[in-house]
Amino acid sequence: MFDRTPAFEAYIAPARRYPAIWRLVLGLLTGLAVYMGLAFAIIAFGIVPASYIFPELEGVDGAALMFSEDSTPGQMFIVLATFIGMAVAALAMCLWHWRGLRSLLGPRTDFGRYFLIAIGVLLGIQVINSILSLFLSPHEVIPHLDLATWATYLPWAIPLLFIQTTAEELVFRGYIQQQVAARFQHWFWWMVLPSLLFGLGHFDNTIDPVLAYMIVFATTLFGVVAADLTRITGNLAAAMGLHFANNFLALLIVGVPGELSGLALFHTPFTMDDVEIVRTYLLIDITVLTVIWITLRRVLR
C-alpha cells in the first residue's frame, strides 16, 4: 500500500549517511530552540517597525498580538514572518547530520511540474466543492476586505505564505520523514509519526475538546497525504504545492473570524464557538482532502 518507491529511496539517501537516533533527537531540540528564539525575536522587535505600515500594531505588545481574539493584516504579517525562524531551524537540524538544506527538497527532476500539479488538483476540486456548497449549504460567506485593499496585501502575503508552508514541509516531510525513514522500514514510522507530530502542533485547548481533536486528526491526515506524495514523487514539490494551495484558500480567501483570518477576502458566517457547524464543515474538509489524495495518487504515478 505504501511501499517505498525507488524515487523515495533516492530521496532519503542523504539521511542514511548519519542516521543515528541521537542526532535526530538533538536535531529536533536544536530546531525547536532556534525556531522559538527567532520567532520571539521577530515578535519582540518586529512590531514597532511594522506599525509604520500597519497602524493597528502601534502600542501592541507581543503577548497581546499573539493571543488577541481579533485577527488583523498586521498580526498576520508578524505571524507569517515567524516562520522564517522555522526555515532557519530546518537548516540547524541538518547540521547535526552534515547535510545542507537543499537535501531536504529532493531531486530537481519534475519539481516545478509536481508543485503545479498539486496546486491545480487541489484548487480544481475545491472549486467543485464550492459550487456544490452553493446548492447544499445554507451558509454564505461574508465579505471581509474589499478587493482593492486585499490585492495590495498580496505582494508580501503570498511570499510569506510560501515561506510558512515551505518551512513546515522542510521540517516535517523533509527532515523528520527522511531521518526516520533512514532508520525504520515500516511506513507507519516515517509517514504517520511525523504527521501526528504535525497534527498535535495544531492542537488548541481553548476550543471545544472534541473539535480540537478533530482538527488534530484532520491536520494529521493532511500530513499523511503530504508524506505519501513525497513517497511517490521522491521530492517535496507536490507536498509543498498542496500545502501552499490549501493555506492560500484558508488564510487568504475564506477564513473563520478570529482564526488567523486578518488577510481573508471573505469570512465564514460562523466562528469556532459554533461547534456543531464547524464539526460539520470539518468532516466535509476531511472528505474533500481524501478525494484530493486519491486524485493526486493517480495523477502523479
C-alpha atoms as a PDB file:
ATOM      1  CA  MET A   1       0.000   0.000   0.000  1.00  0.00           C
ATOM      2  CA  PHE A   2       2.766   2.404   0.963  1.00  0.00           C
ATOM      3  CA  ASP A   3       5.791   0.604  -0.440  1.00  0.00           C
ATOM      4  CA  ARG A   4       8.978   2.609  -0.759  1.00  0.00           C
ATOM      5  CA  THR A   5       9.395   3.763  -4.324  1.00  0.00           C
ATOM      6  CA  PRO A   6      12.813   3.982  -5.995  1.00  0.00           C
ATOM      7  CA  ALA A   7      12.334   7.760  -6.030  1.00  0.00           C
ATOM      8  CA  PHE A   8      11.736   7.770  -2.279  1.00  0.00           C
ATOM      9  CA  GLU A   9      14.799   5.606  -1.632  1.00  0.00           C
ATOM     10  CA  ALA A  10      16.860   8.143  -3.567  1.00  0.00           C
ATOM     11  CA  TYR A  11      15.207  10.958  -1.613  1.00  0.00           C
ATOM     12  CA  ILE A  12      16.212   9.574   1.785  1.00  0.00           C
ATOM     13  CA  ALA A  13      19.756   8.646   0.675  1.00  0.00           C
ATOM     14  CA  PRO A  14      21.326  11.779   2.272  1.00  0.00           C
ATOM     15  CA  ALA A  15      19.714  10.824   5.598  1.00  0.00           C
ATOM     16  CA  ARG A  16      21.377   7.388   5.560  1.00  0.00           C
ATOM     17  CA  ARG A  17      24.857   8.847   5.974  1.00  0.00           C
ATOM     18  CA  TYR A  18      24.354   9.878   9.604  1.00  0.00           C
ATOM     19  CA  PRO A  19      21.108   8.167  10.702  1.00  0.00           C
ATOM     20  CA  ALA A  20      21.790   7.849  14.451  1.00  0.00           C
ATOM     21  CA  ILE A  21      18.727   8.466  16.616  1.00  0.00           C
ATOM     22  CA  TRP A  22      20.715  10.707  18.964  1.00  0.00           C
ATOM     23  CA  ARG A  23      21.423  13.012  16.050  1.00  0.00           C
ATOM     24  CA  LEU A  24      17.695  13.151  15.229  1.00  0.00           C
ATOM     25  CA  VAL A  25      16.798  13.941  18.854  1.00  0.00           C
ATOM     26  CA  LEU A  26      19.434  16.670  19.113  1.00  0.00           C
ATOM     27  CA  GLY A  27      18.382  17.978  15.706  1.00  0.00           C
ATOM     28  CA  LEU A  28      14.764  18.311  16.855  1.00  0.00           C
ATOM     29  CA  LEU A  29      15.756  20.004  20.115  1.00  0.00           C
ATOM     30  CA  THR A  30      18.094  22.381  18.294  1.00  0.00           C
ATOM     31  CA  GLY A  31      15.462  23.169  15.691  1.00  0.00           C
ATOM     32  CA  LEU A  32      12.852  23.867  18.361  1.00  0.00           C
ATOM     33  CA  ALA A  33      15.222  26.206  20.198  1.00  0.00           C
ATOM     34  CA  VAL A  34      16.192  28.063  17.016  1.00  0.00           C
ATOM     35  CA  TYR A  35      12.584  28.398  15.878  1.00  0.00           C
ATOM     36  CA  MET A  36      11.313  29.640  19.247  1.00  0.00           C
ATOM     37  CA  GLY A  37      14.240  32.031  19.646  1.00  0.00           C
ATOM     38  CA  LEU A  38      13.877  33.585  16.202  1.00  0.00           C
ATOM     39  CA  ALA A  39      10.079  33.690  16.436  1.00  0.00           C
ATOM     40  CA  PHE A  40      10.350  35.510  19.769  1.00  0.00           C
ATOM     41  CA  ALA A  41      12.832  37.972  18.269  1.00  0.00           C
ATOM     42  CA  ILE A  42      10.596  38.648  15.255  1.00  0.00           C
ATOM     43  CA  ILE A  43       7.595  39.242  17.525  1.00  0.00           C
ATOM     44  CA  ALA A  44       9.526  41.346  20.051  1.00  0.00           C
ATOM     45  CA  PHE A  45      11.455  43.512  17.610  1.00  0.00           C
ATOM     46  CA  GLY A  46       9.230  43.407  14.541  1.00  0.00           C
ATOM     47  CA  ILE A  47       6.092  45.036  15.889  1.00  0.00           C
ATOM     48  CA  VAL A  48       7.432  48.592  16.146  1.00  0.00           C
ATOM     49  CA  PRO A  49       8.797  48.866  12.572  1.00  0.00           C
ATOM     50  CA  ALA A  50       5.743  47.004  11.244  1.00  0.00           C
ATOM     51  CA  SER A  51       3.457  49.517  12.973  1.00  0.00           C
ATOM     52  CA  TYR A  52       4.557  52.176  10.452  1.00  0.00           C
ATOM     53  CA  ILE A  53       2.817  50.069   7.801  1.00  0.00           C
ATOM     54  CA  PHE A  54       0.064  48.626   9.992  1.00  0.00           C
ATOM     55  CA  PRO A  55      -1.248  51.310  12.385  1.00  0.00           C
ATOM     56  CA  GLU A  56      -3.228  48.725  14.364  1.00  0.00           C
ATOM     57  CA  LEU A  57       0.072  47.384  15.730  1.00  0.00           C
ATOM     58  CA  GLU A  58       1.053  50.662  17.394  1.00  0.00           C
ATOM     59  CA  GLY A  59       1.460  50.167  21.126  1.00  0.00           C
ATOM     60  CA  VAL A  60       0.661  46.448  20.979  1.00  0.00           C
ATOM     61  CA  ASP A  61       2.986  44.066  22.800  1.00  0.00           C
ATOM     62  CA  GLY A  62       3.890  40.587  21.643  1.00  0.00           C
ATOM     63  CA  ALA A  63       1.615  38.706  24.039  1.00  0.00           C
ATOM     64  CA  ALA A  64      -1.393  40.837  23.127  1.00  0.00           C
ATOM     65  CA  LEU A  65      -0.658  40.343  19.451  1.00  0.00           C
ATOM     66  CA  MET A  66      -0.342  36.551  19.586  1.00  0.00           C
ATOM     67  CA  PHE A  67      -3.308  35.934  21.887  1.00  0.00           C
ATOM     68  CA  SER A  68      -5.681  38.530  20.521  1.00  0.00           C
ATOM     69  CA  GLU A  69      -9.151  37.271  19.629  1.00  0.00           C
ATOM     70  CA  ASP A  70      -9.142  39.582  16.616  1.00  0.00           C
ATOM     71  CA  SER A  71      -7.027  38.961  13.535  1.00  0.00           C
ATOM     72  CA  THR A  72      -5.692  41.880  11.515  1.00  0.00           C
ATOM     73  CA  PRO A  73      -3.387  42.216   8.478  1.00  0.00           C
ATOM     74  CA  GLY A  74      -0.619  43.464  10.766  1.00  0.00           C
ATOM     75  CA  GLN A  75      -0.968  40.483  13.069  1.00  0.00           C
ATOM     76  CA  MET A  76      -0.862  38.141  10.067  1.00  0.00           C
ATOM     77  CA  PHE A  77       2.291  39.847   8.807  1.00  0.00           C
ATOM     78  CA  ILE A  78       4.072  39.143  12.102  1.00  0.00           C
ATOM     79  CA  VAL A  79       2.698  35.616  12.492  1.00  0.00           C
ATOM     80  CA  LEU A  80       3.700  34.558   8.976  1.00  0.00           C
ATOM     81  CA  ALA A  81       7.111  36.201   9.375  1.00  0.00           C
ATOM     82  CA  THR A  82       7.867  33.985  12.387  1.00  0.00           C
ATOM     83  CA  PHE A  83       8.083  31.016  10.027  1.00  0.00           C
ATOM     84  CA  ILE A  84      11.328  32.441   8.701  1.00  0.00           C
ATOM     85  CA  GLY A  85      12.603  31.107  12.022  1.00  0.00           C
ATOM     86  CA  MET A  86      11.285  27.636  11.199  1.00  0.00           C
ATOM     87  CA  ALA A  87      13.108  27.645   7.849  1.00  0.00           C
ATOM     88  CA  VAL A  88      16.339  28.534   9.658  1.00  0.00           C
ATOM     89  CA  ALA A  89      15.556  25.820  12.199  1.00  0.00           C
ATOM     90  CA  ALA A  90      15.370  23.244   9.400  1.00  0.00           C
ATOM     91  CA  LEU A  91      18.907  24.202   8.396  1.00  0.00           C
ATOM     92  CA  ALA A  92      20.087  23.942  12.016  1.00  0.00           C
ATOM     93  CA  MET A  93      18.625  20.424  12.207  1.00  0.00           C
ATOM     94  CA  CYS A  94      20.503  19.378   9.084  1.00  0.00           C
ATOM     95  CA  LEU A  95      23.832  20.401  10.544  1.00  0.00           C
ATOM     96  CA  TRP A  96      23.696  17.508  13.027  1.00  0.00           C
ATOM     97  CA  HIS A  97      23.833  15.181  10.009  1.00  0.00           C
ATOM     98  CA  TRP A  98      26.363  17.180   7.976  1.00  0.00           C
ATOM     99  CA  ARG A  99      23.676  17.940   5.409  1.00  0.00           C
ATOM    100  CA  GLY A 100      22.583  21.031   3.545  1.00  0.00           C
ATOM    101  CA  LEU A 101      19.082  22.452   3.349  1.00  0.00           C
ATOM    102  CA  ARG A 102      18.914  21.512  -0.335  1.00  0.00           C
ATOM    103  CA  SER A 103      18.967  17.810   0.578  1.00  0.00           C
ATOM    104  CA  LEU A 104      15.548  18.187   2.246  1.00  0.00           C
ATOM    105  CA  LEU A 105      13.925  19.263  -1.017  1.00  0.00           C
ATOM    106  CA  GLY A 106      14.998  16.251  -3.049  1.00  0.00           C
ATOM    107  CA  PRO A 107      15.983  15.988  -6.722  1.00  0.00           C
ATOM    108  CA  ARG A 108      15.038  18.855  -9.027  1.00  0.00           C
ATOM    109  CA  THR A 109      13.581  16.491 -11.635  1.00  0.00           C
ATOM    110  CA  ASP A 110       9.941  17.461 -12.316  1.00  0.00           C
ATOM    111  CA  PHE A 111       9.972  19.686  -9.212  1.00  0.00           C
ATOM    112  CA  GLY A 112       8.066  22.549 -10.800  1.00  0.00           C
ATOM    113  CA  ARG A 113       5.633  20.196 -12.531  1.00  0.00           C
ATOM    114  CA  TYR A 114       4.779  18.317  -9.323  1.00  0.00           C
ATOM    115  CA  PHE A 115       4.340  21.603  -7.451  1.00  0.00           C
ATOM    116  CA  LEU A 116       1.897  22.978 -10.037  1.00  0.00           C
ATOM    117  CA  ILE A 117       0.009  19.685 -10.399  1.00  0.00           C
ATOM    118  CA  ALA A 118      -0.690  19.582  -6.666  1.00  0.00           C
ATOM    119  CA  ILE A 119      -1.892  23.188  -6.697  1.00  0.00           C
ATOM    120  CA  GLY A 120      -4.071  22.581  -9.753  1.00  0.00           C
ATOM    121  CA  VAL A 121      -5.722  19.431  -8.397  1.00  0.00           C
ATOM    122  CA  LEU A 122      -6.478  20.970  -5.005  1.00  0.00           C
ATOM    123  CA  LEU A 123      -7.871  24.195  -6.469  1.00  0.00           C
ATOM    124  CA  GLY A 124      -9.886  22.324  -9.089  1.00  0.00           C
ATOM    125  CA  ILE A 125     -11.538  20.028  -6.556  1.00  0.00           C
ATOM    126  CA  GLN A 126     -12.132  22.885  -4.129  1.00  0.00           C
ATOM    127  CA  VAL A 127     -13.849  24.899  -6.878  1.00  0.00           C
ATOM    128  CA  ILE A 128     -16.182  21.962  -7.497  1.00  0.00           C
ATOM    129  CA  ASN A 129     -16.762  21.684  -3.745  1.00  0.00           C
ATOM    130  CA  SER A 130     -17.573  25.409  -3.560  1.00  0.00           C
ATOM    131  CA  ILE A 131     -20.058  25.140  -6.418  1.00  0.00           C
ATOM    132  CA  LEU A 132     -21.796  22.206  -4.742  1.00  0.00           C
ATOM    133  CA  SER A 133     -21.860  24.131  -1.472  1.00  0.00           C
ATOM    134  CA  LEU A 134     -23.886  26.885  -3.133  1.00  0.00           C
ATOM    135  CA  PHE A 135     -26.714  24.391  -3.549  1.00  0.00           C
ATOM    136  CA  LEU A 136     -26.242  22.267  -0.424  1.00  0.00           C
ATOM    137  CA  SER A 137     -25.072  24.697   2.263  1.00  0.00           C
ATOM    138  CA  PRO A 138     -27.324  27.259   3.973  1.00  0.00           C
ATOM    139  CA  HIS A 139     -24.319  29.391   4.941  1.00  0.00           C
ATOM    140  CA  GLU A 140     -22.994  32.166   2.739  1.00  0.00           C
ATOM    141  CA  VAL A 141     -19.588  33.773   3.142  1.00  0.00           C
ATOM    142  CA  ILE A 142     -19.372  37.391   4.324  1.00  0.00           C
ATOM    143  CA  PRO A 143     -17.127  39.960   2.580  1.00  0.00           C
ATOM    144  CA  HIS A 144     -14.260  40.962   4.848  1.00  0.00           C
ATOM    145  CA  LEU A 145     -11.752  43.010   2.827  1.00  0.00           C
ATOM    146  CA  ASP A 146     -12.588  44.953  -0.272  1.00  0.00           C
ATOM    147  CA  LEU A 147     -10.865  43.573  -3.350  1.00  0.00           C
ATOM    148  CA  ALA A 148      -8.544  46.555  -3.906  1.00  0.00           C
ATOM    149  CA  THR A 149      -7.272  46.541  -0.315  1.00  0.00           C
ATOM    150  CA  TRP A 150      -6.843  42.771  -0.348  1.00  0.00           C
ATOM    151  CA  ALA A 151      -4.836  42.963  -3.570  1.00  0.00           C
ATOM    152  CA  THR A 152      -2.385  45.441  -2.010  1.00  0.00           C
ATOM    153  CA  TYR A 153      -1.528  42.847   0.655  1.00  0.00           C
ATOM    154  CA  LEU A 154      -0.774  40.040  -1.788  1.00  0.00           C
ATOM    155  CA  PRO A 155       2.773  41.143  -2.806  1.00  0.00           C
ATOM    156  CA  TRP A 156       4.003  40.378   0.715  1.00  0.00           C
ATOM    157  CA  ALA A 157       1.323  37.936   1.873  1.00  0.00           C
ATOM    158  CA  ILE A 158       1.983  35.366  -0.872  1.00  0.00           C
ATOM    159  CA  PRO A 159       5.792  35.197  -0.326  1.00  0.00           C
ATOM    160  CA  LEU A 160       5.326  34.929   3.446  1.00  0.00           C
ATOM    161  CA  LEU A 161       2.681  32.258   2.957  1.00  0.00           C
ATOM    162  CA  PHE A 162       5.096  30.366   0.721  1.00  0.00           C
ATOM    163  CA  ILE A 163       7.774  30.617   3.410  1.00  0.00           C
ATOM    164  CA  GLN A 164       5.330  29.400   6.066  1.00  0.00           C
ATOM    165  CA  THR A 165       4.164  26.333   4.148  1.00  0.00           C
ATOM    166  CA  THR A 166       7.623  25.505   2.785  1.00  0.00           C
ATOM    167  CA  ALA A 167       9.201  25.762   6.243  1.00  0.00           C
ATOM    168  CA  GLU A 168       6.700  23.286   7.659  1.00  0.00           C
ATOM    169  CA  GLU A 169       7.327  20.889   4.777  1.00  0.00           C
ATOM    170  CA  LEU A 170      11.101  21.159   5.226  1.00  0.00           C
ATOM    171  CA  VAL A 171      10.760  20.180   8.877  1.00  0.00           C
ATOM    172  CA  PHE A 172       8.023  17.515   8.809  1.00  0.00           C
ATOM    173  CA  ARG A 173       8.123  15.917   5.340  1.00  0.00           C
ATOM    174  CA  GLY A 174      11.756  16.813   4.795  1.00  0.00           C
ATOM    175  CA  TYR A 175      13.928  16.434   7.861  1.00  0.00           C
ATOM    176  CA  ILE A 176      11.782  14.254  10.164  1.00  0.00           C
ATOM    177  CA  GLN A 177      10.376  11.953   7.487  1.00  0.00           C
ATOM    178  CA  GLN A 178      13.776  11.446   5.867  1.00  0.00           C
ATOM    179  CA  GLN A 179      15.674  10.770   9.079  1.00  0.00           C
ATOM    180  CA  VAL A 180      13.022   8.424  10.494  1.00  0.00           C
ATOM    181  CA  ALA A 181      12.806   6.536   7.181  1.00  0.00           C
ATOM    182  CA  ALA A 182      16.584   6.108   7.244  1.00  0.00           C
ATOM    183  CA  ARG A 183      16.237   4.103  10.475  1.00  0.00           C
ATOM    184  CA  PHE A 184      12.834   2.425  10.243  1.00  0.00           C
ATOM    185  CA  GLN A 185      11.497   0.473   7.268  1.00  0.00           C
ATOM    186  CA  HIS A 186       7.783   0.331   8.069  1.00  0.00           C
ATOM    187  CA  TRP A 187       5.681   3.144   6.657  1.00  0.00           C
ATOM    188  CA  PHE A 188       3.933   3.782   9.986  1.00  0.00           C
ATOM    189  CA  TRP A 189       7.060   5.302  11.492  1.00  0.00           C
ATOM    190  CA  TRP A 190       8.039   7.622   8.643  1.00  0.00           C
ATOM    191  CA  MET A 191       4.531   8.525   7.421  1.00  0.00           C
ATOM    192  CA  VAL A 192       2.249   8.507  10.447  1.00  0.00           C
ATOM    193  CA  LEU A 193       4.586   9.505  13.276  1.00  0.00           C
ATOM    194  CA  PRO A 194       5.841  12.788  11.697  1.00  0.00           C
ATOM    195  CA  SER A 195       2.277  13.545  10.597  1.00  0.00           C
ATOM    196  CA  LEU A 196       0.985  13.024  14.140  1.00  0.00           C
ATOM    197  CA  LEU A 197       3.586  15.482  15.425  1.00  0.00           C
ATOM    198  CA  PHE A 198       2.386  17.898  12.748  1.00  0.00           C
ATOM    199  CA  GLY A 199      -1.229  17.377  13.816  1.00  0.00           C
ATOM    200  CA  LEU A 200      -0.515  17.814  17.530  1.00  0.00           C
ATOM    201  CA  GLY A 201       1.154  21.122  16.684  1.00  0.00           C
ATOM    202  CA  HIS A 202      -2.313  22.378  15.706  1.00  0.00           C
ATOM    203  CA  PHE A 203      -3.993  21.376  18.973  1.00  0.00           C
ATOM    204  CA  ASP A 204      -5.994  24.237  20.505  1.00  0.00           C
ATOM    205  CA  ASN A 205      -7.007  23.835  24.143  1.00  0.00           C
ATOM    206  CA  THR A 206      -9.172  26.965  24.075  1.00  0.00           C
ATOM    207  CA  ILE A 207     -11.927  25.431  21.949  1.00  0.00           C
ATOM    208  CA  ASP A 208     -14.356  22.533  22.357  1.00  0.00           C
ATOM    209  CA  PRO A 209     -12.256  19.397  23.166  1.00  0.00           C
ATOM    210  CA  VAL A 210     -13.935  17.154  20.585  1.00  0.00           C
ATOM    211  CA  LEU A 211     -13.480  19.812  17.918  1.00  0.00           C
ATOM    212  CA  ALA A 212      -9.846  20.294  18.961  1.00  0.00           C
ATOM    213  CA  TYR A 213      -9.106  16.585  18.470  1.00  0.00           C
ATOM    214  CA  MET A 214     -10.986  16.568  15.167  1.00  0.00           C
ATOM    215  CA  ILE A 215      -8.653  19.341  13.996  1.00  0.00           C
ATOM    216  CA  VAL A 216      -5.652  17.293  15.137  1.00  0.00           C
ATOM    217  CA  PHE A 217      -6.996  14.322  13.153  1.00  0.00           C
ATOM    218  CA  ALA A 218      -7.597  16.457  10.059  1.00  0.00           C
ATOM    219  CA  THR A 219      -4.124  18.014  10.140  1.00  0.00           C
ATOM    220  CA  THR A 220      -2.559  14.600  10.839  1.00  0.00           C
ATOM    221  CA  LEU A 221      -4.373  13.251   7.783  1.00  0.00           C
ATOM    222  CA  PHE A 222      -3.066  16.196   5.769  1.00  0.00           C
ATOM    223  CA  GLY A 223       0.430  15.274   6.941  1.00  0.00           C
ATOM    224  CA  VAL A 224      -0.076  11.659   5.852  1.00  0.00           C
ATOM    225  CA  VAL A 225      -1.251  12.817   2.421  1.00  0.00           C
ATOM    226  CA  ALA A 226       1.798  15.083   2.039  1.00  0.00           C
ATOM    227  CA  ALA A 227       4.084  12.262   3.218  1.00  0.00           C
ATOM    228  CA  ASP A 228       2.553   9.876   0.712  1.00  0.00           C
ATOM    229  CA  LEU A 229       3.012  12.346  -2.140  1.00  0.00           C
ATOM    230  CA  THR A 230       6.654  12.675  -1.089  1.00  0.00           C
ATOM    231  CA  ARG A 231       6.955   8.877  -1.141  1.00  0.00           C
ATOM    232  CA  ILE A 232       5.549   8.744  -4.674  1.00  0.00           C
ATOM    233  CA  THR A 233       7.497  11.637  -6.208  1.00  0.00           C
ATOM    234  CA  GLY A 234      10.782  11.475  -4.318  1.00  0.00           C
ATOM    235  CA  ASN A 235      10.877  15.201  -3.536  1.00  0.00           C
ATOM    236  CA  LEU A 236       8.936  17.838  -1.593  1.00  0.00           C
ATOM    237  CA  ALA A 237       7.376  19.566  -4.592  1.00  0.00           C
ATOM    238  CA  ALA A 238       3.887  18.033  -4.512  1.00  0.00           C
ATOM    239  CA  ALA A 239       3.657  18.344  -0.721  1.00  0.00           C
ATOM    240  CA  MET A 240       4.734  21.983  -0.951  1.00  0.00           C
ATOM    241  CA  GLY A 241       2.184  22.723  -3.669  1.00  0.00           C
ATOM    242  CA  LEU A 242      -0.618  21.004  -1.760  1.00  0.00           C
ATOM    243  CA  HIS A 243       0.230  22.861   1.457  1.00  0.00           C
ATOM    244  CA  PHE A 244       0.576  26.244  -0.242  1.00  0.00           C
ATOM    245  CA  ALA A 245      -2.727  25.962  -2.115  1.00  0.00           C
ATOM    246  CA  ASN A 246      -4.551  24.729   0.987  1.00  0.00           C
ATOM    247  CA  ASN A 247      -3.316  27.584   3.164  1.00  0.00           C
ATOM    248  CA  PHE A 248      -3.900  30.124   0.405  1.00  0.00           C
ATOM    249  CA  LEU A 249      -7.590  29.233   0.453  1.00  0.00           C
ATOM    250  CA  ALA A 250      -7.805  29.034   4.251  1.00  0.00           C
ATOM    251  CA  LEU A 251      -5.875  32.216   5.078  1.00  0.00           C
ATOM    252  CA  LEU A 252      -6.326  34.480   2.055  1.00  0.00           C
ATOM    253  CA  ILE A 253      -9.697  33.537   0.560  1.00  0.00           C
ATOM    254  CA  VAL A 254     -12.183  32.349   3.221  1.00  0.00           C
ATOM    255  CA  GLY A 255     -11.236  32.461   6.894  1.00  0.00           C
ATOM    256  CA  VAL A 256     -13.014  31.757  10.155  1.00  0.00           C
ATOM    257  CA  PRO A 257     -13.323  35.057  12.093  1.00  0.00           C
ATOM    258  CA  GLY A 258     -10.611  35.396  14.695  1.00  0.00           C
ATOM    259  CA  GLU A 259      -8.674  32.342  13.452  1.00  0.00           C
ATOM    260  CA  LEU A 260      -5.749  33.958  11.593  1.00  0.00           C
ATOM    261  CA  SER A 261      -8.283  35.449   9.206  1.00  0.00           C
ATOM    262  CA  GLY A 262      -6.958  39.007   9.022  1.00  0.00           C
ATOM    263  CA  LEU A 263      -5.964  38.646   5.360  1.00  0.00           C
ATOM    264  CA  ALA A 264      -9.026  36.717   4.210  1.00  0.00           C
ATOM    265  CA  LEU A 265     -11.090  38.172   1.397  1.00  0.00           C
ATOM    266  CA  PHE A 266     -14.188  36.593   2.949  1.00  0.00           C
ATOM    267  CA  HIS A 267     -15.204  35.391   6.396  1.00  0.00           C
ATOM    268  CA  THR A 268     -17.451  32.496   7.301  1.00  0.00           C
ATOM    269  CA  PRO A 269     -20.766  33.468   8.966  1.00  0.00           C
ATOM    270  CA  PHE A 270     -19.801  31.301  11.960  1.00  0.00           C
ATOM    271  CA  THR A 271     -16.924  31.198  14.447  1.00  0.00           C
ATOM    272  CA  MET A 272     -15.148  28.392  16.293  1.00  0.00           C
ATOM    273  CA  ASP A 273     -17.729  28.811  19.058  1.00  0.00           C
ATOM    274  CA  ASP A 274     -20.378  27.398  16.707  1.00  0.00           C
ATOM    275  CA  VAL A 275     -19.148  23.901  17.439  1.00  0.00           C
ATOM    276  CA  GLU A 276     -21.742  21.810  15.597  1.00  0.00           C
ATOM    277  CA  ILE A 277     -21.426  23.857  12.413  1.00  0.00           C
ATOM    278  CA  VAL A 278     -17.618  23.752  12.473  1.00  0.00           C
ATOM    279  CA  ARG A 279     -17.655  19.983  13.073  1.00  0.00           C
ATOM    280  CA  THR A 280     -19.838  19.508  10.008  1.00  0.00           C
ATOM    281  CA  TYR A 281     -17.596  21.612   7.800  1.00  0.00           C
ATOM    282  CA  LEU A 282     -14.521  19.854   9.180  1.00  0.00           C
ATOM    283  CA  LEU A 283     -15.971  16.476   8.178  1.00  0.00           C
ATOM    284  CA  ILE A 284     -16.592  17.890   4.703  1.00  0.00           C
ATOM    285  CA  ASP A 285     -12.988  19.139   4.573  1.00  0.00           C
ATOM    286  CA  ILE A 286     -11.713  15.678   5.552  1.00  0.00           C
ATOM    287  CA  THR A 287     -13.814  14.107   2.786  1.00  0.00           C
ATOM    288  CA  VAL A 288     -12.573  16.627   0.207  1.00  0.00           C
ATOM    289  CA  LEU A 289      -8.965  16.067   1.288  1.00  0.00           C
ATOM    290  CA  THR A 290      -9.432  12.328   0.780  1.00  0.00           C
ATOM    291  CA  VAL A 291     -10.727  12.948  -2.751  1.00  0.00           C
ATOM    292  CA  ILE A 292      -7.737  15.198  -3.456  1.00  0.00           C
ATOM    293  CA  TRP A 293      -5.400  12.481  -2.134  1.00  0.00           C
ATOM    294  CA  ILE A 294      -6.922   9.780  -4.338  1.00  0.00           C
ATOM    295  CA  THR A 295      -6.777  12.056  -7.370  1.00  0.00           C
ATOM    296  CA  LEU A 296      -3.158  13.086  -6.831  1.00  0.00           C
ATOM    297  CA  ARG A 297      -2.081   9.476  -6.297  1.00  0.00           C
ATOM    298  CA  ARG A 298      -3.442   8.622  -9.721  1.00  0.00           C
ATOM    299  CA  VAL A 299      -2.112  11.718 -11.455  1.00  0.00           C
ATOM    300  CA  LEU A 300       1.412  11.555 -10.018  1.00  0.00           C
ATOM    301  CA  ARG A 301       2.065   7.850 -10.572  1.00  0.00           C
END
